[in-house]
All heavy atoms as atom14 arrays in JSON, in Angstrom:
{
  "sequence": "LVEAVRGWPDDSPRDPKGWLVTVAWRKFLDAVRADASRRRREEL",
  "atom14_mask": [
    [1, 1, 1, 1, 1, 1, 1, 1, 0, 0, 0, 0, 0, 0],
    [1, 1, 1, 1, 1, 1, 1, 0, 0, 0, 0, 0, 0, 0],
    [1, 1, 1, 1, 1, 1, 1, 1, 1, 0, 0, 0, 0, 0],
    [1, 1, 1, 1, 1, 0, 0, 0, 0, 0, 0, 0, 0, 0],
    [1, 1, 1, 1, 1, 1, 1, 0, 0, 0, 0, 0, 0, 0],
    [1, 1, 1, 1, 1, 1, 1, 1, 1, 1, 1, 0, 0, 0],
    [1, 1, 1, 1, 0, 0, 0, 0, 0, 0, 0, 0, 0, 0],
    [1, 1, 1, 1, 1, 1, 1, 1, 1, 1, 1, 1, 1, 1],
    [1, 1, 1, 1, 1, 1, 1, 0, 0, 0, 0, 0, 0, 0],
    [1, 1, 1, 1, 1, 1, 1, 1, 0, 0, 0, 0, 0, 0],
    [1, 1, 1, 1, 1, 1, 1, 1, 0, 0, 0, 0, 0, 0],
    [1, 1, 1, 1, 1, 1, 0, 0, 0, 0, 0, 0, 0, 0],
    [1, 1, 1, 1, 1, 1, 1, 0, 0, 0, 0, 0, 0, 0],
    [1, 1, 1, 1, 1, 1, 1, 1, 1, 1, 1, 0, 0, 0],
    [1, 1, 1, 1, 1, 1, 1, 1, 0, 0, 0, 0, 0, 0],
    [1, 1, 1, 1, 1, 1, 1, 0, 0, 0, 0, 0, 0, 0],
    [1, 1, 1, 1, 1, 1, 1, 1, 1, 0, 0, 0, 0, 0],
    [1, 1, 1, 1, 0, 0, 0, 0, 0, 0, 0, 0, 0, 0],
    [1, 1, 1, 1, 1, 1, 1, 1, 1, 1, 1, 1, 1, 1],
    [1, 1, 1, 1, 1, 1, 1, 1, 0, 0, 0, 0, 0, 0],
    [1, 1, 1, 1, 1, 1, 1, 0, 0, 0, 0, 0, 0, 0],
    [1, 1, 1, 1, 1, 1, 1, 0, 0, 0, 0, 0, 0, 0],
    [1, 1, 1, 1, 1, 1, 1, 0, 0, 0, 0, 0, 0, 0],
    [1, 1, 1, 1, 1, 0, 0, 0, 0, 0, 0, 0, 0, 0],
    [1, 1, 1, 1, 1, 1, 1, 1, 1, 1, 1, 1, 1, 1],
    [1, 1, 1, 1, 1, 1, 1, 1, 1, 1, 1, 0, 0, 0],
    [1, 1, 1, 1, 1, 1, 1, 1, 1, 0, 0, 0, 0, 0],
    [1, 1, 1, 1, 1, 1, 1, 1, 1, 1, 1, 0, 0, 0],
    [1, 1, 1, 1, 1, 1, 1, 1, 0, 0, 0, 0, 0, 0],
    [1, 1, 1, 1, 1, 1, 1, 1, 0, 0, 0, 0, 0, 0],
    [1, 1, 1, 1, 1, 0, 0, 0, 0, 0, 0, 0, 0, 0],
    [1, 1, 1, 1, 1, 1, 1, 0, 0, 0, 0, 0, 0, 0],
    [1, 1, 1, 1, 1, 1, 1, 1, 1, 1, 1, 0, 0, 0],
    [1, 1, 1, 1, 1, 0, 0, 0, 0, 0, 0, 0, 0, 0],
    [1, 1, 1, 1, 1, 1, 1, 1, 0, 0, 0, 0, 0, 0],
    [1, 1, 1, 1, 1, 0, 0, 0, 0, 0, 0, 0, 0, 0],
    [1, 1, 1, 1, 1, 1, 0, 0, 0, 0, 0, 0, 0, 0],
    [1, 1, 1, 1, 1, 1, 1, 1, 1, 1, 1, 0, 0, 0],
    [1, 1, 1, 1, 1, 1, 1, 1, 1, 1, 1, 0, 0, 0],
    [1, 1, 1, 1, 1, 1, 1, 1, 1, 1, 1, 0, 0, 0],
    [1, 1, 1, 1, 1, 1, 1, 1, 1, 1, 1, 0, 0, 0],
    [1, 1, 1, 1, 1, 1, 1, 1, 1, 0, 0, 0, 0, 0],
    [1, 1, 1, 1, 1, 1, 1, 1, 1, 0, 0, 0, 0, 0],
    [1, 1, 1, 1, 1, 1, 1, 1, 0, 0, 0, 0, 0, 0]
  ],
  "atom14_positions": [
    [[161.0, 111.01, 177.16], [160.89, 110.99, 178.57], [160.86, 112.42, 179.11], [160.14, 112.73, 180.11], [162.06, 110.2, 179.26], [161.95, 108.69, 179.1], [163.15, 108.05, 179.75], [160.69, 108.16, 179.76], [0.0, 0.0, 0.0], [0.0, 0.0, 0.0], [0.0, 0.0, 0.0], [0.0, 0.0, 0.0], [0.0, 0.0, 0.0], [0.0, 0.0, 0.0]],
    [[161.64, 113.25, 178.58], [161.75, 114.68, 179.04], [160.33, 115.3, 178.83], [159.81, 116.02, 179.73], [162.77, 115.5, 178.28], [162.7, 116.96, 178.64], [164.17, 114.98, 178.67], [0.0, 0.0, 0.0], [0.0, 0.0, 0.0], [0.0, 0.0, 0.0], [0.0, 0.0, 0.0], [0.0, 0.0, 0.0], [0.0, 0.0, 0.0], [0.0, 0.0, 0.0]],
    [[159.75, 115.06, 177.62], [158.39, 115.61, 177.38], [157.37, 114.99, 178.41], [156.41, 115.58, 178.85], [158.04, 115.34, 175.95], [158.73, 116.2, 174.91], [158.0, 116.25, 173.63], [156.75, 115.97, 173.62], [158.59, 116.64, 172.67], [0.0, 0.0, 0.0], [0.0, 0.0, 0.0], [0.0, 0.0, 0.0], [0.0, 0.0, 0.0], [0.0, 0.0, 0.0]],
    [[157.53, 113.66, 178.69], [156.63, 113.0, 179.61], [156.76, 113.65, 181.03], [155.66, 113.88, 181.67], [156.97, 111.57, 179.71], [0.0, 0.0, 0.0], [0.0, 0.0, 0.0], [0.0, 0.0, 0.0], [0.0, 0.0, 0.0], [0.0, 0.0, 0.0], [0.0, 0.0, 0.0], [0.0, 0.0, 0.0], [0.0, 0.0, 0.0], [0.0, 0.0, 0.0]],
    [[157.97, 113.87, 181.52], [158.19, 114.48, 182.79], [157.53, 115.88, 182.84], [156.97, 116.23, 183.87], [159.71, 114.6, 183.07], [159.97, 115.41, 184.28], [160.27, 113.17, 183.3], [0.0, 0.0, 0.0], [0.0, 0.0, 0.0], [0.0, 0.0, 0.0], [0.0, 0.0, 0.0], [0.0, 0.0, 0.0], [0.0, 0.0, 0.0], [0.0, 0.0, 0.0]],
    [[157.6, 116.57, 181.72], [157.08, 117.95, 181.69], [155.52, 117.95, 181.6], [154.88, 118.79, 182.16], [157.7, 118.71, 180.54], [157.39, 120.23, 180.5], [158.21, 120.92, 179.54], [158.05, 120.43, 178.18], [159.05, 119.91, 177.44], [160.2, 119.77, 177.96], [158.81, 119.37, 176.21], [0.0, 0.0, 0.0], [0.0, 0.0, 0.0], [0.0, 0.0, 0.0]],
    [[155.01, 117.01, 180.92], [153.56, 117.08, 180.55], [152.63, 116.16, 181.33], [151.5, 116.45, 181.48], [0.0, 0.0, 0.0], [0.0, 0.0, 0.0], [0.0, 0.0, 0.0], [0.0, 0.0, 0.0], [0.0, 0.0, 0.0], [0.0, 0.0, 0.0], [0.0, 0.0, 0.0], [0.0, 0.0, 0.0], [0.0, 0.0, 0.0], [0.0, 0.0, 0.0]],
    [[153.16, 114.99, 181.68], [152.24, 114.03, 182.26], [151.67, 114.37, 183.63], [150.52, 113.93, 183.94], [153.01, 112.67, 182.41], [153.09, 112.03, 181.06], [152.93, 112.53, 179.93], [153.46, 110.56, 180.87], [153.18, 111.52, 178.9], [153.47, 110.35, 179.51], [153.71, 109.61, 181.77], [153.75, 109.07, 178.99], [153.98, 108.32, 181.29], [154.01, 108.06, 179.89]],
    [[152.32, 115.2, 184.44], [151.72, 115.53, 185.78], [150.29, 116.1, 185.58], [149.43, 115.92, 186.47], [152.66, 116.52, 186.4], [154.03, 116.16, 185.77], [153.72, 115.73, 184.36], [0.0, 0.0, 0.0], [0.0, 0.0, 0.0], [0.0, 0.0, 0.0], [0.0, 0.0, 0.0], [0.0, 0.0, 0.0], [0.0, 0.0, 0.0], [0.0, 0.0, 0.0]],
    [[150.06, 116.83, 184.52], [148.82, 117.49, 184.21], [147.89, 116.71, 183.33], [146.65, 116.85, 183.39], [149.03, 118.91, 183.65], [149.83, 119.78, 184.61], [149.67, 119.69, 185.74], [150.69, 120.47, 184.05], [0.0, 0.0, 0.0], [0.0, 0.0, 0.0], [0.0, 0.0, 0.0], [0.0, 0.0, 0.0], [0.0, 0.0, 0.0], [0.0, 0.0, 0.0]],
    [[148.44, 115.85, 182.53], [147.59, 115.14, 181.52], [148.27, 113.81, 181.21], [148.88, 113.61, 180.11], [147.5, 115.99, 180.24], [146.56, 115.38, 179.23], [145.7, 114.55, 179.64], [146.65, 115.84, 178.06], [0.0, 0.0, 0.0], [0.0, 0.0, 0.0], [0.0, 0.0, 0.0], [0.0, 0.0, 0.0], [0.0, 0.0, 0.0], [0.0, 0.0, 0.0]],
    [[148.07, 112.82, 182.01], [148.68, 111.49, 181.86], [147.9, 110.74, 180.79], [146.64, 110.65, 180.81], [148.59, 110.73, 183.19], [149.25, 109.46, 182.96], [0.0, 0.0, 0.0], [0.0, 0.0, 0.0], [0.0, 0.0, 0.0], [0.0, 0.0, 0.0], [0.0, 0.0, 0.0], [0.0, 0.0, 0.0], [0.0, 0.0, 0.0], [0.0, 0.0, 0.0]],
    [[148.55, 110.17, 179.82], [147.8, 109.48, 178.71], [147.24, 108.15, 179.19], [147.74, 107.55, 180.14], [148.96, 109.22, 177.7], [150.18, 109.21, 178.44], [149.99, 110.12, 179.6], [0.0, 0.0, 0.0], [0.0, 0.0, 0.0], [0.0, 0.0, 0.0], [0.0, 0.0, 0.0], [0.0, 0.0, 0.0], [0.0, 0.0, 0.0], [0.0, 0.0, 0.0]],
    [[146.26, 107.74, 178.46], [145.65, 106.42, 178.71], [146.62, 105.28, 178.48], [146.56, 104.22, 179.2], [144.36, 106.2, 177.93], [143.2, 107.16, 178.31], [141.99, 106.91, 177.45], [140.92, 107.78, 177.76], [139.7, 107.74, 177.14], [139.57, 106.83, 176.18], [138.77, 108.63, 177.41], [0.0, 0.0, 0.0], [0.0, 0.0, 0.0], [0.0, 0.0, 0.0]],
    [[147.4, 105.42, 177.42], [148.33, 104.35, 177.03], [149.74, 104.88, 177.1], [150.23, 105.44, 176.09], [147.97, 103.96, 175.6], [148.95, 102.82, 175.12], [149.74, 102.35, 175.92], [148.9, 102.55, 173.86], [0.0, 0.0, 0.0], [0.0, 0.0, 0.0], [0.0, 0.0, 0.0], [0.0, 0.0, 0.0], [0.0, 0.0, 0.0], [0.0, 0.0, 0.0]],
    [[150.4, 104.91, 178.26], [151.73, 105.5, 178.38], [152.73, 104.92, 177.39], [153.51, 105.7, 176.84], [152.14, 105.14, 179.88], [150.75, 104.89, 180.56], [149.89, 104.3, 179.56], [0.0, 0.0, 0.0], [0.0, 0.0, 0.0], [0.0, 0.0, 0.0], [0.0, 0.0, 0.0], [0.0, 0.0, 0.0], [0.0, 0.0, 0.0], [0.0, 0.0, 0.0]],
    [[152.71, 103.59, 177.17], [153.66, 103.02, 176.29], [153.48, 103.53, 174.9], [154.4, 103.92, 174.15], [153.66, 101.55, 176.28], [154.64, 100.74, 175.4], [154.51, 99.34, 175.4], [155.38, 98.72, 174.33], [155.28, 97.15, 174.34], [0.0, 0.0, 0.0], [0.0, 0.0, 0.0], [0.0, 0.0, 0.0], [0.0, 0.0, 0.0], [0.0, 0.0, 0.0]],
    [[152.2, 103.53, 174.47], [151.91, 103.99, 173.11], [152.28, 105.46, 172.94], [152.8, 105.84, 171.81], [0.0, 0.0, 0.0], [0.0, 0.0, 0.0], [0.0, 0.0, 0.0], [0.0, 0.0, 0.0], [0.0, 0.0, 0.0], [0.0, 0.0, 0.0], [0.0, 0.0, 0.0], [0.0, 0.0, 0.0], [0.0, 0.0, 0.0], [0.0, 0.0, 0.0]],
    [[152.04, 106.27, 173.92], [152.37, 107.67, 173.88], [153.9, 107.81, 173.66], [154.42, 108.55, 172.83], [151.99, 108.34, 175.06], [152.14, 109.85, 175.15], [151.25, 110.81, 174.76], [153.26, 110.55, 175.5], [151.7, 112.01, 174.91], [153.01, 111.95, 175.32], [154.56, 110.23, 175.92], [153.95, 112.99, 175.62], [155.54, 111.17, 176.19], [155.2, 112.51, 176.04]],
    [[154.68, 107.08, 174.54], [156.11, 107.1, 174.47], [156.65, 106.66, 173.12], [157.54, 107.31, 172.49], [156.79, 106.38, 175.52], [156.76, 106.92, 176.94], [157.27, 105.86, 177.97], [157.6, 108.15, 177.04], [0.0, 0.0, 0.0], [0.0, 0.0, 0.0], [0.0, 0.0, 0.0], [0.0, 0.0, 0.0], [0.0, 0.0, 0.0], [0.0, 0.0, 0.0]],
    [[156.07, 105.56, 172.62], [156.56, 105.09, 171.24], [156.3, 106.12, 170.16], [157.2, 106.43, 169.36], [155.85, 103.78, 170.88], [155.99, 103.47, 169.43], [156.24, 102.61, 171.8], [0.0, 0.0, 0.0], [0.0, 0.0, 0.0], [0.0, 0.0, 0.0], [0.0, 0.0, 0.0], [0.0, 0.0, 0.0], [0.0, 0.0, 0.0], [0.0, 0.0, 0.0]],
    [[155.04, 106.78, 170.26], [154.76, 107.74, 169.23], [155.67, 109.0, 169.29], [156.25, 109.37, 168.25], [153.29, 108.23, 169.39], [152.45, 107.18, 169.24], [152.98, 109.32, 168.34], [0.0, 0.0, 0.0], [0.0, 0.0, 0.0], [0.0, 0.0, 0.0], [0.0, 0.0, 0.0], [0.0, 0.0, 0.0], [0.0, 0.0, 0.0], [0.0, 0.0, 0.0]],
    [[155.96, 109.54, 170.51], [156.72, 110.66, 170.67], [158.24, 110.33, 170.3], [158.97, 111.12, 169.68], [156.61, 111.25, 172.06], [157.54, 112.43, 172.27], [155.14, 111.75, 172.25], [0.0, 0.0, 0.0], [0.0, 0.0, 0.0], [0.0, 0.0, 0.0], [0.0, 0.0, 0.0], [0.0, 0.0, 0.0], [0.0, 0.0, 0.0], [0.0, 0.0, 0.0]],
    [[158.6, 109.22, 170.85], [160.06, 108.79, 170.55], [160.33, 108.62, 169.13], [161.4, 108.98, 168.58], [160.37, 107.59, 171.34], [0.0, 0.0, 0.0], [0.0, 0.0, 0.0], [0.0, 0.0, 0.0], [0.0, 0.0, 0.0], [0.0, 0.0, 0.0], [0.0, 0.0, 0.0], [0.0, 0.0, 0.0], [0.0, 0.0, 0.0], [0.0, 0.0, 0.0]],
    [[159.34, 107.99, 168.42], [159.57, 107.75, 166.95], [159.62, 109.09, 166.27], [160.44, 109.21, 165.3], [158.44, 106.89, 166.44], [158.64, 106.46, 164.99], [157.89, 106.98, 163.88], [159.63, 105.74, 164.4], [158.35, 106.4, 162.69], [159.41, 105.64, 162.98], [160.72, 105.01, 164.98], [160.25, 104.95, 162.1], [161.56, 104.26, 164.04], [161.3, 104.23, 162.67]],
    [[158.78, 110.0, 166.65], [158.83, 111.4, 166.01], [160.19, 112.07, 166.22], [160.84, 112.62, 165.42], [157.66, 112.18, 166.56], [157.58, 113.56, 165.81], [156.47, 114.44, 166.43], [156.86, 114.96, 167.77], [156.25, 114.73, 168.88], [155.07, 114.11, 168.85], [156.59, 115.3, 170.02], [0.0, 0.0, 0.0], [0.0, 0.0, 0.0], [0.0, 0.0, 0.0]],
    [[160.69, 111.93, 167.49], [161.99, 112.45, 167.86], [163.05, 111.82, 166.98], [163.97, 112.46, 166.45], [162.34, 112.22, 169.29], [161.34, 112.92, 170.29], [161.54, 114.4, 170.33], [160.72, 115.07, 171.36], [160.9, 116.53, 171.42], [0.0, 0.0, 0.0], [0.0, 0.0, 0.0], [0.0, 0.0, 0.0], [0.0, 0.0, 0.0], [0.0, 0.0, 0.0]],
    [[162.96, 110.46, 166.81], [164.01, 109.77, 166.0], [163.93, 110.32, 164.54], [165.01, 110.54, 163.9], [163.66, 108.28, 166.04], [164.51, 107.5, 165.0], [165.84, 107.29, 165.09], [163.83, 106.97, 163.88], [166.56, 106.61, 164.18], [164.49, 106.3, 162.91], [165.88, 106.09, 163.1], [0.0, 0.0, 0.0], [0.0, 0.0, 0.0], [0.0, 0.0, 0.0]],
    [[162.71, 110.43, 164.02], [162.67, 110.9, 162.58], [163.15, 112.29, 162.44], [163.8, 112.63, 161.47], [161.23, 110.87, 162.15], [160.61, 109.38, 162.01], [159.09, 109.42, 161.57], [161.39, 108.63, 160.98], [0.0, 0.0, 0.0], [0.0, 0.0, 0.0], [0.0, 0.0, 0.0], [0.0, 0.0, 0.0], [0.0, 0.0, 0.0], [0.0, 0.0, 0.0]],
    [[162.92, 113.15, 163.46], [163.45, 114.53, 163.37], [164.89, 114.52, 163.34], [165.61, 115.31, 162.67], [162.97, 115.32, 164.62], [161.46, 115.66, 164.54], [160.86, 115.57, 163.41], [160.88, 116.03, 165.61], [0.0, 0.0, 0.0], [0.0, 0.0, 0.0], [0.0, 0.0, 0.0], [0.0, 0.0, 0.0], [0.0, 0.0, 0.0], [0.0, 0.0, 0.0]],
    [[165.54, 113.64, 164.19], [166.98, 113.5, 164.29], [167.57, 113.09, 162.93], [168.62, 113.46, 162.47], [167.41, 112.57, 165.38], [0.0, 0.0, 0.0], [0.0, 0.0, 0.0], [0.0, 0.0, 0.0], [0.0, 0.0, 0.0], [0.0, 0.0, 0.0], [0.0, 0.0, 0.0], [0.0, 0.0, 0.0], [0.0, 0.0, 0.0], [0.0, 0.0, 0.0]],
    [[166.87, 112.05, 162.3], [167.36, 111.49, 161.07], [167.3, 112.62, 159.97], [168.24, 112.78, 159.18], [166.43, 110.28, 160.59], [166.79, 109.94, 159.18], [166.68, 109.12, 161.53], [0.0, 0.0, 0.0], [0.0, 0.0, 0.0], [0.0, 0.0, 0.0], [0.0, 0.0, 0.0], [0.0, 0.0, 0.0], [0.0, 0.0, 0.0], [0.0, 0.0, 0.0]],
    [[166.13, 113.32, 160.0], [166.09, 114.44, 158.95], [167.13, 115.5, 159.21], [167.77, 116.0, 158.3], [164.69, 115.09, 159.0], [163.59, 114.23, 158.35], [162.32, 114.97, 158.21], [161.6, 115.21, 159.52], [160.71, 114.34, 160.05], [160.37, 113.34, 159.25], [160.14, 114.63, 161.11], [0.0, 0.0, 0.0], [0.0, 0.0, 0.0], [0.0, 0.0, 0.0]],
    [[167.44, 115.8, 160.51], [168.44, 116.79, 160.84], [169.78, 116.3, 160.38], [170.61, 117.09, 159.84], [168.42, 117.18, 162.28], [0.0, 0.0, 0.0], [0.0, 0.0, 0.0], [0.0, 0.0, 0.0], [0.0, 0.0, 0.0], [0.0, 0.0, 0.0], [0.0, 0.0, 0.0], [0.0, 0.0, 0.0], [0.0, 0.0, 0.0], [0.0, 0.0, 0.0]],
    [[170.07, 115.07, 160.6], [171.36, 114.5, 160.19], [171.49, 114.53, 158.67], [172.6, 114.79, 158.1], [171.43, 113.03, 160.71], [172.88, 112.47, 160.43], [173.8, 113.03, 160.97], [172.99, 111.44, 159.79], [0.0, 0.0, 0.0], [0.0, 0.0, 0.0], [0.0, 0.0, 0.0], [0.0, 0.0, 0.0], [0.0, 0.0, 0.0], [0.0, 0.0, 0.0]],
    [[170.39, 114.15, 157.99], [170.45, 114.18, 156.47], [170.73, 115.53, 156.01], [171.5, 115.74, 155.04], [169.13, 113.62, 155.97], [0.0, 0.0, 0.0], [0.0, 0.0, 0.0], [0.0, 0.0, 0.0], [0.0, 0.0, 0.0], [0.0, 0.0, 0.0], [0.0, 0.0, 0.0], [0.0, 0.0, 0.0], [0.0, 0.0, 0.0], [0.0, 0.0, 0.0]],
    [[170.06, 116.59, 156.59], [170.34, 117.98, 156.2], [171.77, 118.36, 156.45], [172.42, 119.03, 155.63], [169.41, 118.88, 157.0], [168.07, 118.64, 156.7], [0.0, 0.0, 0.0], [0.0, 0.0, 0.0], [0.0, 0.0, 0.0], [0.0, 0.0, 0.0], [0.0, 0.0, 0.0], [0.0, 0.0, 0.0], [0.0, 0.0, 0.0], [0.0, 0.0, 0.0]],
    [[172.28, 117.9, 157.54], [173.71, 118.24, 157.94], [174.61, 117.62, 156.86], [175.59, 118.21, 156.43], [174.04, 117.7, 159.28], [175.5, 117.92, 159.7], [175.81, 117.25, 161.01], [175.61, 115.88, 160.98], [176.45, 114.97, 160.52], [177.57, 115.34, 159.97], [176.19, 113.71, 160.48], [0.0, 0.0, 0.0], [0.0, 0.0, 0.0], [0.0, 0.0, 0.0]],
    [[174.31, 116.36, 156.48], [175.16, 115.66, 155.51], [175.12, 116.41, 154.2], [176.15, 116.52, 153.45], [174.76, 114.2, 155.38], [175.1, 113.39, 156.62], [174.63, 111.98, 156.42], [174.81, 111.16, 157.64], [175.96, 110.56, 157.92], [177.05, 110.67, 157.14], [176.08, 109.86, 159.05], [0.0, 0.0, 0.0], [0.0, 0.0, 0.0], [0.0, 0.0, 0.0]],
    [[173.95, 116.87, 153.81], [173.87, 117.53, 152.47], [174.62, 118.83, 152.59], [175.31, 119.17, 151.55], [172.36, 117.91, 152.18], [171.55, 116.66, 151.69], [170.27, 117.08, 151.06], [169.35, 117.76, 152.07], [168.51, 117.08, 152.86], [168.4, 115.69, 152.76], [167.7, 117.73, 153.68], [0.0, 0.0, 0.0], [0.0, 0.0, 0.0], [0.0, 0.0, 0.0]],
    [[174.56, 119.58, 153.69], [175.41, 120.75, 153.79], [176.88, 120.44, 153.7], [177.71, 121.2, 153.07], [175.17, 121.45, 155.14], [173.78, 122.08, 155.19], [173.62, 123.1, 156.41], [173.85, 122.45, 157.69], [172.95, 121.81, 158.41], [171.66, 121.83, 157.99], [173.25, 121.25, 159.57], [0.0, 0.0, 0.0], [0.0, 0.0, 0.0], [0.0, 0.0, 0.0]],
    [[177.29, 119.34, 154.31], [178.69, 118.92, 154.24], [179.08, 118.58, 152.83], [180.21, 118.88, 152.39], [178.98, 117.72, 155.26], [178.85, 118.11, 156.69], [179.03, 116.87, 157.59], [178.97, 115.77, 157.03], [179.06, 117.05, 158.78], [0.0, 0.0, 0.0], [0.0, 0.0, 0.0], [0.0, 0.0, 0.0], [0.0, 0.0, 0.0], [0.0, 0.0, 0.0]],
    [[178.21, 117.94, 152.11], [178.53, 117.55, 150.72], [178.73, 118.74, 149.88], [179.54, 118.85, 148.94], [177.39, 116.65, 150.2], [177.43, 115.22, 150.86], [176.18, 114.39, 150.43], [175.33, 115.01, 149.76], [176.09, 113.23, 150.91], [0.0, 0.0, 0.0], [0.0, 0.0, 0.0], [0.0, 0.0, 0.0], [0.0, 0.0, 0.0], [0.0, 0.0, 0.0]],
    [[177.86, 119.75, 150.13], [178.01, 121.03, 149.36], [179.35, 121.7, 149.65], [179.95, 122.22, 148.77], [176.8, 121.97, 149.66], [175.43, 121.55, 149.18], [174.38, 122.46, 149.69], [175.38, 121.62, 147.61], [0.0, 0.0, 0.0], [0.0, 0.0, 0.0], [0.0, 0.0, 0.0], [0.0, 0.0, 0.0], [0.0, 0.0, 0.0], [0.0, 0.0, 0.0]]
  ]
}
């Protein structure tokens, strides 16, 4: 939503829901990878 607030006023997507799902899923995967990296550091 933060990215939407920042970017949509100039370039609103044709499929707002699809755009949000794509960006949110990418954010989720980034968070999962970051958490996995943190856990590996903790294990070390």
